[in-house]
Amino acid sequence: MKILVLNNKEVRELLSMRDCVSVMTDALVSLSNDKVHQPLRMTLSPPGAEGTMRLMPAFMSGDHSGYGLKVICNFPGNVIKGKDLHQGVVLLFNATTGEPLAILNASEITAIRTAAVSAVATKALAREEAAILAVIGSGVQARSHLEAISCVRTLTHVRVASRNIQHARRFAEEMDGLYPFPIEAVNSVEIAVRGAQLIVTATTTAKPIIRRIWISPGTHLNLVGSSTPTAREVDTATIAESSLFVDRRESLLNEAGDYIIASREGAIGPDHIRGEIGDVLSGKTPGRTTDREITLFKSLGLAVEDLAAAEYVYRNAVKIRIGNWVEF
């Protein structure tokens, strides 16, 4: 038996952002239609350790069925070392025999599929004419989200803010020339957010960096930076006064500090959740209902997203013969 090993460069070559948006749409619809089985992610947090390890298993039935498992380590200290804070692998298994099929670079899968899911939510929830994007953060996810959002909306201006203005400026310089619209580094989150019609938060903050009073009517937000009960990127008022959509309800109730803290403060309850994005795509739940409504998509990241991306990459790799086959 042989197993296929794909590195980050090969994953990137095999999984374009536009294709991943389509793959994530199908995966989220499958989740909505009960074709996916996945438990909550398990987190291993040893006392005194530099980082954490997370296990994310899933099974998906249908035309592209299979088992998948993402094992990912989260090391916040990697940022100052110039490394991605996410390190790990995605394992793909045959749905019929259980045989391992592939080992894929998880950092690249995560970077692409997370942004693609935000693009799916943006396409479903944001106003058609939304064209001014605020990106909060300047790391891997900021870069992939700029690409993803530009796939589903015709952007005219992007403002980026980061904890370190030099990082924001470097981001703007690196992106300059890659897109047909200006990308401006600004000195504060408030400057970035005021007047924006689309907002992406891709930070490692534990405390709110966005206040409701900065957000214009009709804005759409994608919150992607935190996935723990104690961390959040926006204040309680933002959650309470937005139409809240999620990738998975169970994940939100157990892992999303943005929701959990606001709920603990008594500002919202479970009925505040408008629905899962897969249900919006399936027509089971309405999305945006008015032009002035603030829509908010809280992304936790799901194992089925990794599985669907890995299965798509594997099929492409076999078709065009990319990657290393190893005796196993």
C-alpha atoms as a PDB file:
ATOM      1  CA  MET A   1       0.000   0.000   0.000  1.00  0.00           C
ATOM      2  CA  LYS A   2       1.136   3.533  -0.783  1.00  0.00           C
ATOM      3  CA  ILE A   3       0.151   6.818   0.812  1.00  0.00           C
ATOM      4  CA  LEU A   4       0.313  10.243  -0.845  1.00  0.00           C
ATOM      5  CA  VAL A   5       2.224  13.028   0.919  1.00  0.00           C
ATOM      6  CA  LEU A   6       1.515  16.618  -0.129  1.00  0.00           C
ATOM      7  CA  ASN A   7       3.446  19.637   1.145  1.00  0.00           C
ATOM      8  CA  ASN A   8       2.217  23.219   1.470  1.00  0.00           C
ATOM      9  CA  LYS A   9       3.334  24.253  -2.022  1.00  0.00           C
ATOM     10  CA  GLU A  10       1.570  21.278  -3.597  1.00  0.00           C
ATOM     11  CA  VAL A  11      -1.630  21.885  -1.615  1.00  0.00           C
ATOM     12  CA  ARG A  12      -1.627  25.513  -2.744  1.00  0.00           C
ATOM     13  CA  GLU A  13      -1.130  24.458  -6.374  1.00  0.00           C
ATOM     14  CA  LEU A  14      -3.997  21.967  -6.192  1.00  0.00           C
ATOM     15  CA  LEU A  15      -6.521  24.091  -4.263  1.00  0.00           C
ATOM     16  CA  SER A  16      -7.265  27.493  -5.743  1.00  0.00           C
ATOM     17  CA  MET A  17      -9.300  29.888  -3.632  1.00  0.00           C
ATOM     18  CA  ARG A  18     -12.153  30.026  -6.153  1.00  0.00           C
ATOM     19  CA  ASP A  19     -12.347  26.240  -6.295  1.00  0.00           C
ATOM     20  CA  CYS A  20     -12.226  26.033  -2.502  1.00  0.00           C
ATOM     21  CA  VAL A  21     -15.173  28.425  -2.213  1.00  0.00           C
ATOM     22  CA  SER A  22     -17.182  25.949  -4.281  1.00  0.00           C
ATOM     23  CA  VAL A  23     -15.897  22.954  -2.284  1.00  0.00           C
ATOM     24  CA  MET A  24     -16.783  24.650   1.024  1.00  0.00           C
ATOM     25  CA  THR A  25     -20.252  25.509  -0.246  1.00  0.00           C
ATOM     26  CA  ASP A  26     -20.886  21.837  -1.011  1.00  0.00           C
ATOM     27  CA  ALA A  27     -19.428  20.735   2.336  1.00  0.00           C
ATOM     28  CA  LEU A  28     -21.605  23.126   4.331  1.00  0.00           C
ATOM     29  CA  VAL A  29     -24.698  22.051   2.409  1.00  0.00           C
ATOM     30  CA  SER A  30     -23.796  18.421   3.181  1.00  0.00           C
ATOM     31  CA  LEU A  31     -23.561  19.361   6.860  1.00  0.00           C
ATOM     32  CA  SER A  32     -26.988  20.975   6.650  1.00  0.00           C
ATOM     33  CA  ASN A  33     -28.387  17.833   5.009  1.00  0.00           C
ATOM     34  CA  ASP A  34     -27.064  15.499   7.739  1.00  0.00           C
ATOM     35  CA  LYS A  35     -24.442  13.874   5.512  1.00  0.00           C
ATOM     36  CA  VAL A  36     -21.644  14.732   7.934  1.00  0.00           C
ATOM     37  CA  HIS A  37     -20.729  13.218  11.271  1.00  0.00           C
ATOM     38  CA  GLN A  38     -18.249  15.128  13.415  1.00  0.00           C
ATOM     39  CA  PRO A  39     -17.772  15.509  17.165  1.00  0.00           C
ATOM     40  CA  LEU A  40     -16.544  18.707  18.753  1.00  0.00           C
ATOM     41  CA  ARG A  41     -12.809  19.188  18.426  1.00  0.00           C
ATOM     42  CA  MET A  42     -10.691  17.869  21.268  1.00  0.00           C
ATOM     43  CA  THR A  43      -8.055  20.206  22.683  1.00  0.00           C
ATOM     44  CA  LEU A  44      -4.961  19.043  24.555  1.00  0.00           C
ATOM     45  CA  SER A  45      -3.555  21.849  26.729  1.00  0.00           C
ATOM     46  CA  PRO A  46      -0.717  20.518  28.906  1.00  0.00           C
ATOM     47  CA  PRO A  47       0.141  22.770  31.885  1.00  0.00           C
ATOM     48  CA  GLY A  48       3.205  24.865  31.139  1.00  0.00           C
ATOM     49  CA  ALA A  49       3.407  23.843  27.487  1.00  0.00           C
ATOM     50  CA  GLU A  50       4.176  26.434  24.799  1.00  0.00           C
ATOM     51  CA  GLY A  51       1.144  25.510  22.716  1.00  0.00           C
ATOM     52  CA  THR A  52      -1.887  23.279  22.355  1.00  0.00           C
ATOM     53  CA  MET A  53      -2.864  20.337  20.155  1.00  0.00           C
ATOM     54  CA  ARG A  54      -6.309  19.923  18.610  1.00  0.00           C
ATOM     55  CA  LEU A  55      -7.890  16.838  17.052  1.00  0.00           C
ATOM     56  CA  MET A  56     -10.682  17.317  14.495  1.00  0.00           C
ATOM     57  CA  PRO A  57     -12.212  14.110  13.037  1.00  0.00           C
ATOM     58  CA  ALA A  58     -15.064  13.918  10.532  1.00  0.00           C
ATOM     59  CA  PHE A  59     -16.908  11.579   8.206  1.00  0.00           C
ATOM     60  CA  MET A  60     -18.799  12.689   5.099  1.00  0.00           C
ATOM     61  CA  SER A  61     -21.071  10.506   2.966  1.00  0.00           C
ATOM     62  CA  GLY A  62     -22.066  11.048  -0.636  1.00  0.00           C
ATOM     63  CA  ASP A  63     -20.128  11.224  -3.904  1.00  0.00           C
ATOM     64  CA  HIS A  64     -16.883  12.207  -2.183  1.00  0.00           C
ATOM     65  CA  SER A  65     -17.205  10.222   1.008  1.00  0.00           C
ATOM     66  CA  GLY A  66     -14.350   9.620   3.383  1.00  0.00           C
ATOM     67  CA  TYR A  67     -12.925   9.908   6.850  1.00  0.00           C
ATOM     68  CA  GLY A  68     -10.632  12.745   7.777  1.00  0.00           C
ATOM     69  CA  LEU A  69      -8.638  13.843  10.786  1.00  0.00           C
ATOM     70  CA  LYS A  70      -6.830  17.111  11.272  1.00  0.00           C
ATOM     71  CA  VAL A  71      -4.189  17.156  13.974  1.00  0.00           C
ATOM     72  CA  ILE A  72      -3.045  20.708  14.509  1.00  0.00           C
ATOM     73  CA  CYS A  73      -0.794  22.414  17.020  1.00  0.00           C
ATOM     74  CA  ASN A  74      -1.440  26.040  17.901  1.00  0.00           C
ATOM     75  CA  PHE A  75       1.690  27.909  18.997  1.00  0.00           C
ATOM     76  CA  PRO A  76       1.027  31.672  19.356  1.00  0.00           C
ATOM     77  CA  GLY A  77       4.739  32.298  19.885  1.00  0.00           C
ATOM     78  CA  ASN A  78       5.394  31.232  16.305  1.00  0.00           C
ATOM     79  CA  VAL A  79       4.257  34.630  15.037  1.00  0.00           C
ATOM     80  CA  ILE A  80       7.383  36.414  16.303  1.00  0.00           C
ATOM     81  CA  LYS A  81       9.492  33.590  14.868  1.00  0.00           C
ATOM     82  CA  GLY A  82       8.106  34.181  11.397  1.00  0.00           C
ATOM     83  CA  LYS A  83       6.246  30.872  11.419  1.00  0.00           C
ATOM     84  CA  ASP A  84       2.567  30.075  11.025  1.00  0.00           C
ATOM     85  CA  LEU A  85       1.016  29.645  14.459  1.00  0.00           C
ATOM     86  CA  HIS A  86      -0.820  26.564  13.101  1.00  0.00           C
ATOM     87  CA  GLN A  87       1.307  23.460  12.474  1.00  0.00           C
ATOM     88  CA  GLY A  88      -0.029  20.025  11.634  1.00  0.00           C
ATOM     89  CA  VAL A  89      -1.379  17.511   9.164  1.00  0.00           C
ATOM     90  CA  VAL A  90      -4.671  16.436   7.638  1.00  0.00           C
ATOM     91  CA  LEU A  91      -5.101  12.681   7.267  1.00  0.00           C
ATOM     92  CA  LEU A  92      -7.475  11.256   4.658  1.00  0.00           C
ATOM     93  CA  PHE A  93      -8.895   7.719   4.826  1.00  0.00           C
ATOM     94  CA  ASN A  94     -10.868   5.547   2.415  1.00  0.00           C
ATOM     95  CA  ALA A  95     -14.553   5.397   3.392  1.00  0.00           C
ATOM     96  CA  THR A  96     -14.916   1.729   2.391  1.00  0.00           C
ATOM     97  CA  THR A  97     -11.724   0.100   3.688  1.00  0.00           C
ATOM     98  CA  GLY A  98     -10.368   2.629   6.180  1.00  0.00           C
ATOM     99  CA  GLU A  99      -7.013   2.610   4.438  1.00  0.00           C
ATOM    100  CA  PRO A 100      -4.992   5.825   4.828  1.00  0.00           C
ATOM    101  CA  LEU A 101      -4.862   7.650   1.501  1.00  0.00           C
ATOM    102  CA  ALA A 102      -2.978  10.879   2.094  1.00  0.00           C
ATOM    103  CA  ILE A 103      -1.107  13.137   4.487  1.00  0.00           C
ATOM    104  CA  LEU A 104      -1.493  16.817   3.678  1.00  0.00           C
ATOM    105  CA  ASN A 105       0.036  20.003   5.062  1.00  0.00           C
ATOM    106  CA  ALA A 106      -2.586  21.325   7.494  1.00  0.00           C
ATOM    107  CA  SER A 107      -1.356  24.911   7.606  1.00  0.00           C
ATOM    108  CA  GLU A 108      -2.101  25.439   3.940  1.00  0.00           C
ATOM    109  CA  ILE A 109      -5.415  23.597   4.083  1.00  0.00           C
ATOM    110  CA  THR A 110      -6.447  25.704   7.086  1.00  0.00           C
ATOM    111  CA  ALA A 111      -5.375  28.993   5.521  1.00  0.00           C
ATOM    112  CA  ILE A 112      -7.300  28.392   2.311  1.00  0.00           C
ATOM    113  CA  ARG A 113     -10.453  26.708   3.595  1.00  0.00           C
ATOM    114  CA  THR A 114     -10.987  29.151   6.481  1.00  0.00           C
ATOM    115  CA  ALA A 115     -10.951  32.116   4.128  1.00  0.00           C
ATOM    116  CA  ALA A 116     -13.063  30.264   1.582  1.00  0.00           C
ATOM    117  CA  VAL A 117     -15.755  29.634   4.221  1.00  0.00           C
ATOM    118  CA  SER A 118     -15.769  33.351   5.052  1.00  0.00           C
ATOM    119  CA  ALA A 119     -16.204  34.032   1.344  1.00  0.00           C
ATOM    120  CA  VAL A 120     -19.154  31.620   1.252  1.00  0.00           C
ATOM    121  CA  ALA A 121     -20.746  33.475   4.177  1.00  0.00           C
ATOM    122  CA  THR A 122     -19.991  36.849   2.597  1.00  0.00           C
ATOM    123  CA  LYS A 123     -21.558  35.810  -0.685  1.00  0.00           C
ATOM    124  CA  ALA A 124     -24.663  34.580   1.135  1.00  0.00           C
ATOM    125  CA  LEU A 125     -25.079  37.440   3.625  1.00  0.00           C
ATOM    126  CA  ALA A 126     -23.345  40.644   2.513  1.00  0.00           C
ATOM    127  CA  ARG A 127     -25.025  43.280   0.391  1.00  0.00           C
ATOM    128  CA  GLU A 128     -24.265  42.866  -3.316  1.00  0.00           C
ATOM    129  CA  GLU A 129     -22.817  46.372  -3.536  1.00  0.00           C
ATOM    130  CA  ALA A 130     -20.500  45.982  -0.514  1.00  0.00           C
ATOM    131  CA  ALA A 131     -17.080  47.081  -1.765  1.00  0.00           C
ATOM    132  CA  ILE A 132     -15.036  48.564   1.109  1.00  0.00           C
ATOM    133  CA  LEU A 133     -13.252  45.931   3.185  1.00  0.00           C
ATOM    134  CA  ALA A 134     -11.593  46.303   6.591  1.00  0.00           C
ATOM    135  CA  VAL A 135      -9.081  43.582   7.450  1.00  0.00           C
ATOM    136  CA  ILE A 136      -8.053  43.426  11.093  1.00  0.00           C
ATOM    137  CA  GLY A 137      -4.824  41.479  11.349  1.00  0.00           C
ATOM    138  CA  SER A 138      -1.881  41.125   8.992  1.00  0.00           C
ATOM    139  CA  GLY A 139      -0.925  37.456   9.141  1.00  0.00           C
ATOM    140  CA  VAL A 140      -1.663  34.350   7.093  1.00  0.00           C
ATOM    141  CA  GLN A 141      -5.437  34.594   7.443  1.00  0.00           C
ATOM    142  CA  ALA A 142      -5.455  38.290   6.569  1.00  0.00           C
ATOM    143  CA  ARG A 143      -3.753  37.476   3.273  1.00  0.00           C
ATOM    144  CA  SER A 144      -5.999  34.540   2.439  1.00  0.00           C
ATOM    145  CA  HIS A 145      -9.133  36.472   3.389  1.00  0.00           C
ATOM    146  CA  LEU A 146      -8.223  39.364   1.121  1.00  0.00           C
ATOM    147  CA  GLU A 147      -8.010  36.879  -1.742  1.00  0.00           C
ATOM    148  CA  ALA A 148     -11.195  35.067  -0.742  1.00  0.00           C
ATOM    149  CA  ILE A 149     -13.416  38.113  -0.254  1.00  0.00           C
ATOM    150  CA  SER A 150     -12.231  39.549  -3.574  1.00  0.00           C
ATOM    151  CA  CYS A 151     -13.536  36.354  -5.204  1.00  0.00           C
ATOM    152  CA  VAL A 152     -17.138  37.055  -4.168  1.00  0.00           C
ATOM    153  CA  ARG A 153     -17.389  40.857  -4.053  1.00  0.00           C
ATOM    154  CA  THR A 154     -16.028  43.588  -6.343  1.00  0.00           C
ATOM    155  CA  LEU A 155     -13.822  45.493  -3.904  1.00  0.00           C
ATOM    156  CA  THR A 156     -12.877  49.129  -4.450  1.00  0.00           C
ATOM    157  CA  HIS A 157     -10.824  49.824  -1.314  1.00  0.00           C
ATOM    158  CA  VAL A 158      -9.221  47.832   1.500  1.00  0.00           C
ATOM    159  CA  ARG A 159      -8.023  49.155   4.853  1.00  0.00           C
ATOM    160  CA  VAL A 160      -5.824  46.980   7.044  1.00  0.00           C
ATOM    161  CA  ALA A 161      -5.068  47.493  10.731  1.00  0.00           C
ATOM    162  CA  SER A 162      -2.741  45.470  12.913  1.00  0.00           C
ATOM    163  CA  ARG A 163      -1.448  45.654  16.465  1.00  0.00           C
ATOM    164  CA  ASN A 164       1.848  46.743  14.937  1.00  0.00           C
ATOM    165  CA  ILE A 165       1.478  49.440  12.276  1.00  0.00           C
ATOM    166  CA  GLN A 166       4.684  48.256  10.633  1.00  0.00           C
ATOM    167  CA  HIS A 167       3.093  44.861  10.069  1.00  0.00           C
ATOM    168  CA  ALA A 168       0.060  46.528   8.484  1.00  0.00           C
ATOM    169  CA  ARG A 169       2.297  48.586   6.215  1.00  0.00           C
ATOM    170  CA  ARG A 170       4.281  45.517   5.203  1.00  0.00           C
ATOM    171  CA  PHE A 171       1.028  43.734   4.411  1.00  0.00           C
ATOM    172  CA  ALA A 172      -0.141  46.629   2.227  1.00  0.00           C
ATOM    173  CA  GLU A 173       3.202  46.769   0.419  1.00  0.00           C
ATOM    174  CA  GLU A 174       3.253  43.029  -0.237  1.00  0.00           C
ATOM    175  CA  MET A 175      -0.301  43.052  -1.561  1.00  0.00           C
ATOM    176  CA  ASP A 176       0.247  46.164  -3.689  1.00  0.00           C
ATOM    177  CA  GLY A 177       0.039  45.300  -7.367  1.00  0.00           C
ATOM    178  CA  LEU A 178      -1.676  41.955  -6.776  1.00  0.00           C
ATOM    179  CA  TYR A 179      -5.144  43.499  -6.808  1.00  0.00           C
ATOM    180  CA  PRO A 180      -6.813  46.239  -8.897  1.00  0.00           C
ATOM    181  CA  PHE A 181      -7.857  48.257  -5.817  1.00  0.00           C
ATOM    182  CA  PRO A 182      -5.877  50.265  -3.246  1.00  0.00           C
ATOM    183  CA  ILE A 183      -4.825  48.571  -0.002  1.00  0.00           C
ATOM    184  CA  GLU A 184      -4.182  51.063   2.763  1.00  0.00           C
ATOM    185  CA  ALA A 185      -2.491  50.499   6.128  1.00  0.00           C
ATOM    186  CA  VAL A 186      -4.169  52.564   8.858  1.00  0.00           C
ATOM    187  CA  ASN A 187      -3.191  53.429  12.417  1.00  0.00           C
ATOM    188  CA  SER A 188      -6.141  51.975  14.288  1.00  0.00           C
ATOM    189  CA  VAL A 189      -8.913  49.407  14.149  1.00  0.00           C
ATOM    190  CA  GLU A 190     -11.457  52.197  14.476  1.00  0.00           C
ATOM    191  CA  ILE A 191     -10.154  53.951  11.357  1.00  0.00           C
ATOM    192  CA  ALA A 192     -10.252  50.669   9.437  1.00  0.00           C
ATOM    193  CA  VAL A 193     -13.785  49.777  10.528  1.00  0.00           C
ATOM    194  CA  ARG A 194     -15.625  53.108  10.273  1.00  0.00           C
ATOM    195  CA  GLY A 195     -17.361  53.273   6.899  1.00  0.00           C
ATOM    196  CA  ALA A 196     -16.384  49.714   5.935  1.00  0.00           C
ATOM    197  CA  GLN A 197     -19.093  47.558   4.375  1.00  0.00           C
ATOM    198  CA  LEU A 198     -17.232  44.296   4.938  1.00  0.00           C
ATOM    199  CA  ILE A 199     -15.097  43.440   7.987  1.00  0.00           C
ATOM    200  CA  VAL A 200     -12.784  40.507   8.609  1.00  0.00           C
ATOM    201  CA  THR A 201     -11.180  39.955  12.007  1.00  0.00           C
ATOM    202  CA  ALA A 202      -8.223  37.586  11.873  1.00  0.00           C
ATOM    203  CA  THR A 203      -6.381  38.233  15.115  1.00  0.00           C
ATOM    204  CA  THR A 204      -5.028  36.421  18.151  1.00  0.00           C
ATOM    205  CA  THR A 205      -6.570  38.862  20.611  1.00  0.00           C
ATOM    206  CA  ALA A 206      -8.424  37.667  23.700  1.00  0.00           C
ATOM    207  CA  LYS A 207     -10.218  40.985  24.307  1.00  0.00           C
ATOM    208  CA  PRO A 208     -12.593  42.926  22.025  1.00  0.00           C
ATOM    209  CA  ILE A 209     -10.901  45.107  19.431  1.00  0.00           C
ATOM    210  CA  ILE A 210     -14.103  46.230  17.650  1.00  0.00           C
ATOM    211  CA  ARG A 211     -16.868  48.325  19.169  1.00  0.00           C
ATOM    212  CA  ARG A 212     -20.433  48.414  17.909  1.00  0.00           C
ATOM    213  CA  ILE A 213     -20.467  52.223  17.599  1.00  0.00           C
ATOM    214  CA  TRP A 214     -17.856  52.011  14.822  1.00  0.00           C
ATOM    215  CA  ILE A 215     -19.927  49.700  12.599  1.00  0.00           C
ATOM    216  CA  SER A 216     -22.143  51.165   9.882  1.00  0.00           C
ATOM    217  CA  PRO A 217     -25.675  49.894   9.150  1.00  0.00           C
ATOM    218  CA  GLY A 218     -25.706  47.167   6.518  1.00  0.00           C
ATOM    219  CA  THR A 219     -22.189  45.929   7.264  1.00  0.00           C
ATOM    220  CA  HIS A 220     -21.237  42.253   7.127  1.00  0.00           C
ATOM    221  CA  LEU A 221     -18.625  40.869   9.540  1.00  0.00           C
ATOM    222  CA  ASN A 222     -16.621  37.640   9.435  1.00  0.00           C
ATOM    223  CA  LEU A 223     -15.073  36.770  12.811  1.00  0.00           C
ATOM    224  CA  VAL A 224     -12.380  34.123  12.392  1.00  0.00           C
ATOM    225  CA  GLY A 225      -9.596  34.839  14.871  1.00  0.00           C
ATOM    226  CA  SER A 226     -10.716  33.084  18.046  1.00  0.00           C
ATOM    227  CA  SER A 227     -12.121  29.632  18.797  1.00  0.00           C
ATOM    228  CA  THR A 228     -11.970  29.400  22.582  1.00  0.00           C
ATOM    229  CA  PRO A 229     -14.639  30.252  25.192  1.00  0.00           C
ATOM    230  CA  THR A 230     -12.486  32.947  26.826  1.00  0.00           C
ATOM    231  CA  ALA A 231     -11.410  34.957  23.763  1.00  0.00           C
ATOM    232  CA  ARG A 232     -13.408  37.357  21.629  1.00  0.00           C
ATOM    233  CA  GLU A 233     -12.762  39.972  18.959  1.00  0.00           C
ATOM    234  CA  VAL A 234     -15.891  42.159  19.214  1.00  0.00           C
ATOM    235  CA  ASP A 235     -17.769  43.691  22.105  1.00  0.00           C
ATOM    236  CA  THR A 236     -21.068  42.439  23.485  1.00  0.00           C
ATOM    237  CA  ALA A 237     -23.080  45.166  21.773  1.00  0.00           C
ATOM    238  CA  THR A 238     -21.813  44.072  18.368  1.00  0.00           C
ATOM    239  CA  ILE A 239     -22.999  40.511  18.953  1.00  0.00           C
ATOM    240  CA  ALA A 240     -26.306  41.617  20.463  1.00  0.00           C
ATOM    241  CA  GLU A 241     -27.162  44.056  17.659  1.00  0.00           C
ATOM    242  CA  SER A 242     -26.130  41.812  14.748  1.00  0.00           C
ATOM    243  CA  SER A 243     -27.937  39.005  12.956  1.00  0.00           C
ATOM    244  CA  LEU A 244     -25.738  36.105  14.053  1.00  0.00           C
ATOM    245  CA  PHE A 245     -24.915  33.207  11.725  1.00  0.00           C
ATOM    246  CA  VAL A 246     -22.556  30.335  12.487  1.00  0.00           C
ATOM    247  CA  ASP A 247     -20.804  27.460  10.790  1.00  0.00           C
ATOM    248  CA  ARG A 248     -22.167  25.051  13.403  1.00  0.00           C
ATOM    249  CA  ARG A 249     -24.452  25.787  16.326  1.00  0.00           C
ATOM    250  CA  GLU A 250     -22.901  23.209  18.660  1.00  0.00           C
ATOM    251  CA  SER A 251     -19.428  24.621  18.064  1.00  0.00           C
ATOM    252  CA  LEU A 252     -20.622  28.157  18.770  1.00  0.00           C
ATOM    253  CA  LEU A 253     -22.250  27.209  22.080  1.00  0.00           C
ATOM    254  CA  ASN A 254     -19.108  25.432  23.289  1.00  0.00           C
ATOM    255  CA  GLU A 255     -16.188  27.286  21.720  1.00  0.00           C
ATOM    256  CA  ALA A 256     -17.031  30.848  20.684  1.00  0.00           C
ATOM    257  CA  GLY A 257     -16.056  33.418  23.287  1.00  0.00           C
ATOM    258  CA  ASP A 258     -17.718  36.153  21.222  1.00  0.00           C
ATOM    259  CA  TYR A 259     -21.058  34.439  21.832  1.00  0.00           C
ATOM    260  CA  ILE A 260     -20.413  32.783  25.210  1.00  0.00           C
ATOM    261  CA  ILE A 261     -19.272  35.953  26.993  1.00  0.00           C
ATOM    262  CA  ALA A 262     -22.154  38.020  25.586  1.00  0.00           C
ATOM    263  CA  SER A 263     -24.563  35.290  26.681  1.00  0.00           C
ATOM    264  CA  ARG A 264     -23.015  35.131  30.143  1.00  0.00           C
ATOM    265  CA  GLU A 265     -23.521  38.880  30.443  1.00  0.00           C
ATOM    266  CA  GLY A 266     -27.219  38.366  29.753  1.00  0.00           C
ATOM    267  CA  ALA A 267     -27.235  40.286  26.466  1.00  0.00           C
ATOM    268  CA  ILE A 268     -28.331  37.356  24.301  1.00  0.00           C
ATOM    269  CA  GLY A 269     -29.601  33.791  24.464  1.00  0.00           C
ATOM    270  CA  PRO A 270     -29.678  30.759  22.136  1.00  0.00           C
ATOM    271  CA  ASP A 271     -32.612  32.226  20.207  1.00  0.00           C
ATOM    272  CA  HIS A 272     -30.291  35.029  19.055  1.00  0.00           C
ATOM    273  CA  ILE A 273     -28.586  32.577  16.664  1.00  0.00           C
ATOM    274  CA  ARG A 274     -30.245  33.066  13.285  1.00  0.00           C
ATOM    275  CA  GLY A 275     -28.916  29.826  11.849  1.00  0.00           C
ATOM    276  CA  GLU A 276     -26.060  27.857  10.392  1.00  0.00           C
ATOM    277  CA  ILE A 277     -24.633  29.094   7.116  1.00  0.00           C
ATOM    278  CA  GLY A 278     -25.253  25.678   5.540  1.00  0.00           C
ATOM    279  CA  ASP A 279     -28.960  26.092   6.268  1.00  0.00           C
ATOM    280  CA  VAL A 280     -28.908  29.497   4.562  1.00  0.00           C
ATOM    281  CA  LEU A 281     -27.259  27.919   1.518  1.00  0.00           C
ATOM    282  CA  SER A 282     -29.839  25.110   1.558  1.00  0.00           C
ATOM    283  CA  GLY A 283     -32.746  27.565   1.728  1.00  0.00           C
ATOM    284  CA  LYS A 284     -33.839  26.338   5.167  1.00  0.00           C
ATOM    285  CA  THR A 285     -32.985  29.620   6.909  1.00  0.00           C
ATOM    286  CA  PRO A 286     -33.286  33.153   5.513  1.00  0.00           C
ATOM    287  CA  GLY A 287     -30.125  35.228   5.314  1.00  0.00           C
ATOM    288  CA  ARG A 288     -30.014  39.019   5.202  1.00  0.00           C
ATOM    289  CA  THR A 289     -33.487  40.526   5.247  1.00  0.00           C
ATOM    290  CA  THR A 290     -32.802  44.290   5.004  1.00  0.00           C
ATOM    291  CA  ASP A 291     -30.092  46.559   3.611  1.00  0.00           C
ATOM    292  CA  ARG A 292     -29.499  48.144   7.030  1.00  0.00           C
ATOM    293  CA  GLU A 293     -29.182  44.864   8.904  1.00  0.00           C
ATOM    294  CA  ILE A 294     -25.742  44.081  10.339  1.00  0.00           C
ATOM    295  CA  THR A 295     -24.931  40.454   9.586  1.00  0.00           C
ATOM    296  CA  LEU A 296     -22.212  38.606  11.473  1.00  0.00           C
ATOM    297  CA  PHE A 297     -20.713  35.219  10.650  1.00  0.00           C
ATOM    298  CA  LYS A 298     -18.808  33.551  13.466  1.00  0.00           C
ATOM    299  CA  SER A 299     -16.425  30.968  12.053  1.00  0.00           C
ATOM    300  CA  LEU A 300     -15.030  28.317  14.362  1.00  0.00           C
ATOM    301  CA  GLY A 301     -13.550  26.082  11.670  1.00  0.00           C
ATOM    302  CA  LEU A 302     -14.985  22.609  11.163  1.00  0.00           C
ATOM    303  CA  ALA A 303     -13.436  19.212  10.594  1.00  0.00           C
ATOM    304  CA  VAL A 304     -15.688  18.649   7.569  1.00  0.00           C
ATOM    305  CA  GLU A 305     -14.098  21.682   5.913  1.00  0.00           C
ATOM    306  CA  ASP A 306     -10.657  20.106   6.279  1.00  0.00           C
ATOM    307  CA  LEU A 307     -11.978  16.756   5.083  1.00  0.00           C
ATOM    308  CA  ALA A 308     -13.679  18.217   2.009  1.00  0.00           C
ATOM    309  CA  ALA A 309     -10.616  20.285   1.086  1.00  0.00           C
ATOM    310  CA  ALA A 310      -8.284  17.316   1.565  1.00  0.00           C
ATOM    311  CA  GLU A 311     -10.473  15.002  -0.496  1.00  0.00           C
ATOM    312  CA  TYR A 312     -10.599  17.552  -3.334  1.00  0.00           C
ATOM    313  CA  VAL A 313      -6.827  18.044  -3.229  1.00  0.00           C
ATOM    314  CA  TYR A 314      -6.259  14.282  -3.200  1.00  0.00           C
ATOM    315  CA  ARG A 315      -8.432  13.742  -6.270  1.00  0.00           C
ATOM    316  CA  ASN A 316      -6.613  16.505  -8.131  1.00  0.00           C
ATOM    317  CA  ALA A 317      -3.212  15.176  -7.113  1.00  0.00           C
ATOM    318  CA  VAL A 318      -4.036  11.691  -8.384  1.00  0.00           C
ATOM    319  CA  LYS A 319      -5.394  13.122 -11.626  1.00  0.00           C
ATOM    320  CA  ILE A 320      -2.365  15.255 -12.493  1.00  0.00           C
ATOM    321  CA  ARG A 321       0.207  13.190 -10.596  1.00  0.00           C
ATOM    322  CA  ILE A 322       1.524  15.663  -8.045  1.00  0.00           C
ATOM    323  CA  GLY A 323       3.040  14.691  -4.702  1.00  0.00           C
ATOM    324  CA  ASN A 324       5.131  11.877  -3.271  1.00  0.00           C
ATOM    325  CA  TRP A 325       3.820   8.345  -2.966  1.00  0.00           C
ATOM    326  CA  VAL A 326       5.339   6.533  -0.011  1.00  0.00           C
ATOM    327  CA  GLU A 327       5.237   2.823   0.813  1.00  0.00           C
ATOM    328  CA  PHE A 328       3.245   2.434   3.988  1.00  0.00           C
END
